[in-house]
Protein backbone atom coordinates (compact mmCIF):
# COMPACT_ATOMS: atom_id res chain seq x y z
CA MET A 1 -6.94 1.59 -14.86
CA TYR A 2 -2.90 1.25 -15.70
CA GLN A 3 -0.56 4.03 -15.75
CA TYR A 4 3.06 3.78 -16.44
CA PHE A 5 5.85 4.53 -13.86
CA ASN A 6 9.72 4.56 -14.97
CA GLY A 7 9.41 1.89 -17.69
CA LEU A 8 6.81 -0.21 -14.79
CA VAL A 9 2.75 -1.02 -15.31
CA ILE A 10 0.64 0.04 -12.46
CA ARG A 11 -2.67 -1.64 -12.13
CA GLU A 12 -5.58 -0.29 -10.55
CA GLY A 13 -7.74 -3.23 -9.03
CA THR A 14 -9.21 -5.75 -6.17
CA GLU A 15 -9.74 -8.52 -8.86
CA GLY A 16 -7.47 -11.11 -10.48
CA VAL A 17 -4.55 -10.41 -8.33
CA PRO A 18 -2.60 -14.09 -8.59
CA ALA A 19 -2.39 -15.40 -5.08
CA PRO A 20 1.83 -17.02 -6.47
CA TYR A 21 2.65 -13.24 -6.81
CA VAL A 22 1.69 -11.89 -3.98
CA GLU A 23 3.48 -14.68 -1.75
CA ALA A 24 6.58 -14.64 -3.54
CA LEU A 25 5.90 -10.67 -2.41
CA PHE A 26 5.34 -11.26 1.62
CA GLU A 27 8.23 -13.89 1.20
CA ASP A 28 10.53 -11.20 0.07
CA ALA A 29 9.43 -8.81 3.12
CA GLY A 30 9.72 -12.07 5.42
CA TRP A 31 6.41 -11.71 5.83
CA ALA A 32 5.33 -15.55 5.35
CA ARG A 33 7.29 -18.40 4.61
CA ASN A 34 6.31 -22.08 4.19
CA THR A 35 2.82 -21.39 3.89
CA PRO A 36 0.49 -24.56 3.85
CA THR A 37 -1.24 -25.38 0.43
CA TRP A 38 -4.54 -25.41 2.29
CA GLN A 39 -3.89 -21.50 3.62
CA LYS A 40 -2.25 -20.44 0.23
CA GLU A 41 -5.68 -19.07 -1.14
CA LYS A 42 -5.38 -16.12 1.72
CA PHE A 43 -2.92 -14.24 -0.60
CA SER A 44 -5.86 -13.07 -3.10
CA LEU A 45 -8.79 -13.45 -0.84
CA ILE A 46 -7.40 -10.95 1.04
CA PHE A 47 -8.75 -8.44 -1.62
CA MET A 48 -11.94 -9.39 -1.89
CA ASN A 49 -13.08 -6.89 1.50
CA SER A 50 -10.39 -4.48 0.15
CA ALA A 51 -11.56 -0.47 -1.12
CA TRP A 52 -8.73 -0.54 -3.31
CA ALA A 53 -5.42 -2.01 -4.87
CA PHE A 54 -2.49 -0.89 -6.81
CA THR A 55 -0.32 -3.38 -8.48
CA VAL A 56 3.63 -2.72 -9.97
CA TRP A 57 4.20 -4.79 -12.96
CA ASP A 58 7.89 -5.33 -14.69
CA ASN A 59 6.44 -7.23 -18.10
CA GLU A 60 5.00 -10.48 -16.37
CA LYS A 61 6.26 -10.23 -13.13
CA MET A 62 4.26 -8.63 -10.34
CA ILE A 63 7.02 -6.56 -7.63
CA GLY A 64 4.94 -4.18 -5.84
CA MET A 65 0.86 -3.83 -4.69
CA VAL A 66 -0.67 -1.92 -1.79
CA ARG A 67 -4.01 -2.83 -0.80
CA VAL A 68 -6.06 0.27 1.25
CA ILE A 69 -9.30 -1.15 3.73
CA SER A 70 -11.48 1.88 4.05
CA ASP A 71 -14.97 3.49 4.17
CA LYS A 72 -14.12 5.25 1.23
CA ILE A 73 -15.73 8.29 2.77
CA MET A 74 -13.49 9.37 5.40
CA ALA A 75 -10.94 7.07 6.99
CA ALA A 76 -8.61 4.87 5.27
CA ASN A 77 -5.78 2.06 6.62
CA ILE A 78 -2.95 1.23 4.00
CA MET A 79 -2.01 -2.22 4.20
CA ASP A 80 0.25 -4.82 2.78
CA LEU A 81 2.30 -1.96 1.14
CA VAL A 82 5.38 -4.04 -0.13
CA VAL A 83 8.18 -3.83 -3.33
CA LEU A 84 10.66 -6.66 -3.89
CA SER A 85 13.63 -5.97 -2.24
CA GLU A 86 15.49 -5.58 -5.60
CA TYR A 87 12.99 -2.65 -6.80
CA ARG A 88 13.26 -0.47 -4.04
CA GLY A 89 14.39 2.72 -3.80
CA ARG A 90 12.82 3.67 -7.35
CA GLY A 91 10.25 5.39 -5.88
CA ILE A 92 7.75 2.92 -6.53
CA GLY A 93 6.36 2.72 -2.63
CA LYS A 94 5.84 6.40 -2.66
CA LYS A 95 4.26 6.25 -5.61
CA LEU A 96 1.71 3.85 -4.43
CA VAL A 97 0.91 6.15 -1.67
CA GLN A 98 0.41 9.27 -3.14
CA LEU A 99 -2.19 7.09 -5.41
CA CYS A 100 -4.01 5.52 -2.18
CA ILE A 101 -4.32 9.46 -0.88
CA GLU A 102 -5.54 10.42 -4.50
CA LYS A 103 -8.36 7.86 -3.49
CA LEU A 104 -9.60 9.82 -0.73
CA PRO A 105 -7.66 12.80 -0.63
CA HIS A 106 -9.37 14.62 2.25
CA GLY A 107 -9.59 11.91 4.53
CA ASP A 108 -7.72 10.16 7.28
CA TRP A 109 -4.90 7.59 6.28
CA PHE A 110 -3.39 5.53 8.57
CA ALA A 111 -0.29 2.86 7.98
CA HIS A 112 0.50 1.01 10.69
CA THR A 113 4.05 -0.21 10.66
CA SER A 114 7.29 -1.09 12.47
CA ALA A 115 9.93 1.72 13.35
CA ASN A 116 11.70 1.07 10.07
CA ASN A 117 9.06 2.41 8.03
CA PHE A 118 8.72 5.72 9.69
CA LYS A 119 11.02 7.82 7.76
CA PHE A 120 9.11 6.92 4.89
CA TYR A 121 5.86 7.27 5.71
CA GLU A 122 6.80 10.52 6.89
CA THR A 123 8.47 11.67 3.26
CA CYS A 124 5.04 10.62 2.45
CA GLY A 125 3.15 13.65 4.02
CA PHE A 126 2.12 11.23 6.91
CA GLU A 127 2.72 12.08 10.67
CA VAL A 128 4.53 9.24 13.06
CA LYS A 129 2.27 9.14 15.77
CA ASN A 130 3.92 6.62 18.12
CA LEU A 131 7.61 6.14 18.32
CA THR A 132 7.44 2.55 20.07
CA LYS A 133 8.80 -0.54 18.49
CA ASN A 134 5.31 -0.92 16.05
CA GLY A 135 3.33 2.81 15.37
CA THR A 136 0.65 4.42 13.19
CA CYS A 137 2.02 6.73 10.61
CA ALA A 138 -1.29 9.16 9.70
CA TYR A 139 -2.19 11.52 7.02
CA TYR A 140 -4.95 13.60 8.00
CA GLY A 141 -6.61 14.69 4.61
CA TYR A 142 -9.03 16.94 6.55
CA ILE A 143 -6.07 19.56 7.54
CA GLN A 144 -4.98 19.45 3.72
CA ALA A 145 -8.92 20.49 2.84
CA ARG A 146 -8.65 23.76 5.27
CA LYS A 147 -5.54 24.22 3.43
CA GLU A 148 -6.95 24.01 0.24
CA GLY A 149 -9.91 25.98 1.37
CA HIS A 150 -12.84 23.19 1.16
CA ARG A 151 -13.07 23.29 5.05
């Protein structure tokens, strides 16, 4: 699936995500540096057991991504939501979270993250469950389902 968002292309899929682009995103976010050659394959292997993934492209440059681990029925965990620093503040991250929730709208969603991201997840409809340095943000789809009359 492809869709357009503010002049960018969002691709859905866990296959064929190029490891060098993922590594560049992780480096920009401060999550990786000086990765040994023998470990570089992990940047594409992480998608193999992910339930869903979305990547964001500006022409031939991958500028954002998110991947999800889920049972695809009741619960899901947002993993590795990242947008290149020069593209932040344009609603890309929020759009990625929205696309994730659409995959399991009445499920429970979690994102374990650092405190500096709590406000972002709150704007996406999540509750902050732990106000320590790192914590879990949660979106309870069953509450939304009740509001919509599904449960």
